[in-house]
Structure formats: C-alpha cells, structure tokens
Protein backbone atom coordinates (compact mmCIF):
# COMPACT_ATOMS: atom_id res chain seq x y z
CA MET A 1 9.64 -15.58 3.20
CA ALA A 2 6.34 -16.94 1.84
CA ARG A 3 3.75 -18.55 4.01
CA GLU A 4 2.80 -22.17 3.08
CA TYR A 5 -0.78 -22.19 4.72
CA TYR A 6 -3.54 -19.50 5.50
CA SER A 7 -6.27 -19.49 7.92
CA LEU A 8 -9.90 -19.10 6.70
CA PRO A 9 -10.41 -15.64 7.71
CA GLU A 10 -7.03 -14.80 5.84
CA VAL A 11 -8.21 -16.38 2.95
CA ALA A 12 -11.56 -14.33 3.16
CA ALA A 13 -10.04 -11.12 3.41
CA MET A 14 -7.41 -12.01 0.59
CA LEU A 15 -10.29 -12.57 -1.96
CA GLY A 16 -12.70 -9.81 -0.28
CA ILE A 17 -15.61 -12.43 0.78
CA SER A 18 -16.83 -13.43 4.34
CA ARG A 19 -15.16 -16.15 6.36
CA ILE A 20 -18.58 -18.00 5.96
CA ALA A 21 -18.33 -17.74 2.19
CA VAL A 22 -14.81 -19.43 2.33
CA PHE A 23 -15.88 -21.98 4.71
CA LYS A 24 -18.77 -23.06 2.29
CA ARG A 25 -16.15 -23.32 -0.64
CA VAL A 26 -14.23 -25.49 1.52
CA LYS A 27 -17.10 -27.79 2.30
CA LYS A 28 -18.09 -28.28 -1.09
CA GLY A 29 -14.57 -29.32 -2.32
CA GLN A 30 -14.54 -25.89 -4.24
CA LEU A 31 -10.97 -24.87 -2.22
CA GLU A 32 -8.76 -27.45 -0.85
CA ALA A 33 -8.00 -27.05 2.68
CA LEU A 34 -6.77 -29.25 5.55
CA ARG A 35 -8.35 -29.80 8.67
CA ILE A 36 -5.97 -29.21 12.03
CA GLY A 37 -8.12 -29.90 15.04
CA ARG A 38 -10.93 -27.51 15.19
CA ASN A 39 -9.08 -25.11 12.58
CA TRP A 40 -8.74 -24.95 8.62
CA ALA A 41 -5.39 -24.22 6.73
CA VAL A 42 -5.48 -23.65 3.12
CA PRO A 43 -2.24 -23.90 0.85
CA ALA A 44 -0.91 -20.96 -0.36
CA ALA A 45 -1.25 -22.36 -3.67
CA ALA A 46 -4.79 -23.13 -3.62
CA VAL A 47 -5.64 -19.27 -3.21
CA PRO A 48 -7.10 -17.98 -5.97
CA ALA A 49 -6.43 -14.79 -7.09
CA PRO A 50 -8.86 -12.37 -6.06
CA SER A 51 -11.51 -11.49 -9.29
CA PRO A 52 -11.08 -7.41 -10.10
CA ALA A 53 -13.88 -5.27 -8.78
CA PRO A 54 -16.67 -5.08 -11.65
CA SER A 55 -16.75 -2.00 -13.30
CA PHE A 56 -19.43 0.12 -13.93
CA PRO A 57 -20.49 2.61 -16.46
CA ALA A 58 -20.01 6.16 -15.40
CA ALA A 59 -23.34 7.82 -13.85
CA PRO A 60 -24.39 10.59 -16.18
CA PRO A 61 -24.19 14.12 -14.63
CA MET A 62 -26.61 15.39 -12.59
CA PRO A 63 -29.15 18.35 -13.81
CA VAL A 64 -28.68 21.51 -12.47
CA VAL A 65 -32.06 22.61 -11.04
CA LYS A 66 -32.49 26.40 -10.44
CA GLU A 67 -34.16 27.58 -7.26
CA ARG A 68 -37.42 28.76 -7.54
CA GLU A 69 -38.34 32.37 -7.12
CA SER A 70 -41.00 33.09 -4.38
CA ALA A 71 -44.52 34.30 -5.17
CA PRO A 72 -44.83 37.92 -4.22
CA ALA A 73 -48.19 37.31 -3.30
CA ALA A 74 -47.33 34.83 -0.66
CA ASP A 75 -44.48 37.24 0.85
CA ALA A 76 -47.41 39.86 1.39
CA GLU A 77 -49.42 37.95 3.10
CA MET A 78 -47.23 36.47 5.36
CA ASP A 79 -45.97 39.81 6.35
CA SER A 80 -49.61 40.73 6.69
CA MET A 81 -50.28 37.89 9.31
CA GLY A 82 -47.09 39.29 11.32
CA TRP A 83 -45.03 36.46 10.66
CA ASP A 84 -41.22 36.89 10.04
C-alpha cells in the first residue's frame, strides 16, 4: 500500500539532499507540504523524482612511473659510514 504523506527527513533521503534543503524548499513554496503541529507532511504526489547523478567523463589512465635506480656512489658512501 502506497503512503499518502512523507516526513521531511524521508523526502530528503529520497531526493538525496539534506533535511534543511527540503525545509528551505517548503518555505520558498517550491515543495508542497502541510504543517501538522510542529511537523511537516509532504504529499506523495508532490515529491519530485530524484534527479539522476551527474555523469563525469572517465579519468585518463595514470602514467606508469618507473623506479629510479640508486646511484652506486651513494651506496658506497653510506657503507663507508657504517650505515646499513
């Protein structure tokens, strides 16, 4: 059985926006809602369809970085100092 009304947090979850953003839409008159005491009820017919997620182009592949070979002189110098 379909619901007739939704709360502001439920509408926020359905639309993927914050509860405050839904409340601002109600206050601006962009979203129909009824005041019931301290709570708000949004008619199911007034809930807009969620907008599709934006599609971004695929990121280019990362370049392959080869490891640097250590300089033999530096290794010899480190060995002479007694470092491991």
